[in-house]
Structures are given as C-alpha cells and as structure tokens.
Amino acid sequence: MPYTKLGTLIAGIVFVLGCIQFAIGFGVSVGLVSEPRPGLFLGTSTSAEAIDSGILKILAAVAFGVITEISQSVAK
C-alpha cells in the first residue's frame, strides 16, 4: 500500500522536525544556545512555545506512526 509507506515517511519526518524544534527551544531556554539575533532559531515564538509545539509534533507523529503500523498489519 503506497499510502501506508507515505504515511510512515511523513510520520518520521514530522518526528525528527519536532525533536529538533524541542531541542532548540530547550537549548535557548536553558542558555546552551544563544541566538545571535532575536528570532533567528525560534522565529517569532518564545522558547516555551517552541517546546510546546515540538512536543505536540512528536506526539502527533507517534500517533500517526501507530496508525500506519495498524494499516500495515490490516493489509497483511
């Protein structure tokens, strides 16, 4: 099923991007990463908003990945 493979790819990409956004938001909030100019890494959001958005992306990607795994098992 091509849609299942596409869904798995999308879930993986969203998971990686969510982890990156979470890590950058956390790094900026703790002080590990200093932005050379305001908004370079986080855009217009604050570090707390970036962390929240990253966590939501990670959770959505995991849920989407579970759905694609169910789709693969149903197809067999």
Protein backbone atom coordinates (compact mmCIF):
# COMPACT_ATOMS: atom_id res chain seq x y z
CA MET A 1 0.00 0.00 0.00
CA PRO A 2 1.65 3.21 -1.13
CA TYR A 3 -0.32 5.38 1.29
CA THR A 4 0.96 3.41 4.26
CA LYS A 5 4.56 3.88 3.19
CA LEU A 6 3.96 7.56 2.54
CA GLY A 7 2.34 7.89 5.97
CA THR A 8 5.31 6.21 7.62
CA LEU A 9 7.68 8.61 5.84
CA ILE A 10 5.63 11.64 6.86
CA ALA A 11 5.46 10.45 10.47
CA GLY A 12 9.24 10.01 10.53
CA ILE A 13 9.91 13.46 9.09
CA VAL A 14 7.50 15.16 11.50
CA PHE A 15 9.06 13.27 14.41
CA VAL A 16 12.56 14.42 13.50
CA LEU A 17 11.45 18.03 12.98
CA GLY A 18 9.58 18.00 16.29
CA CYS A 19 12.67 16.71 18.09
CA ILE A 20 14.80 19.43 16.51
CA GLN A 21 12.30 22.13 17.46
CA PHE A 22 12.10 20.81 21.02
CA ALA A 23 15.87 20.66 21.34
CA ILE A 24 16.38 24.19 20.03
CA GLY A 25 13.64 25.58 22.27
CA PHE A 26 15.08 23.80 25.28
CA GLY A 27 18.60 24.91 24.43
CA VAL A 28 17.57 28.54 24.12
CA SER A 29 15.57 28.47 27.36
CA VAL A 30 18.41 26.90 29.36
CA GLY A 31 21.06 29.09 27.78
CA LEU A 32 23.01 26.40 25.96
CA VAL A 33 22.22 28.04 22.62
CA SER A 34 22.48 31.79 22.29
CA GLU A 35 20.73 33.35 19.35
CA PRO A 36 22.98 35.81 17.51
CA ARG A 37 19.94 37.96 16.83
CA PRO A 38 16.45 37.56 18.31
CA GLY A 39 14.20 35.23 16.37
CA LEU A 40 16.89 33.54 14.30
CA PHE A 41 16.19 29.99 15.52
CA LEU A 42 12.71 30.28 17.00
CA GLY A 43 11.11 32.81 14.70
CA THR A 44 8.53 34.95 16.45
CA SER A 45 7.70 32.36 19.12
CA THR A 46 9.16 32.18 22.59
CA SER A 47 11.20 29.22 23.76
CA ALA A 48 8.23 27.89 25.75
CA GLU A 49 6.00 27.99 22.66
CA ALA A 50 8.69 26.21 20.63
CA ILE A 51 8.97 23.48 23.26
CA ASP A 52 5.18 23.04 23.36
CA SER A 53 4.95 22.92 19.57
CA GLY A 54 7.80 20.41 19.37
CA ILE A 55 6.14 18.12 21.92
CA LEU A 56 2.84 18.30 20.03
CA LYS A 57 4.59 17.42 16.76
CA ILE A 58 6.32 14.47 18.42
CA LEU A 59 3.05 13.16 19.88
CA ALA A 60 1.21 13.60 16.58
CA ALA A 61 3.98 11.79 14.70
CA VAL A 62 3.90 8.89 17.15
CA ALA A 63 0.11 8.64 16.83
CA PHE A 64 0.35 8.79 13.03
CA GLY A 65 3.08 6.14 13.10
CA VAL A 66 0.87 3.85 15.19
CA ILE A 67 -1.95 4.32 12.71
CA THR A 68 0.31 3.40 9.80
CA GLU A 69 1.53 0.30 11.69
CA ILE A 70 -2.09 -0.74 12.18
CA SER A 71 -2.70 -0.14 8.48
CA GLN A 72 0.25 -2.36 7.57
CA SER A 73 -0.96 -5.18 9.80
CA VAL A 74 -4.51 -4.95 8.43
CA ALA A 75 -3.20 -5.08 4.86
CA LYS A 76 -1.44 -8.39 5.54
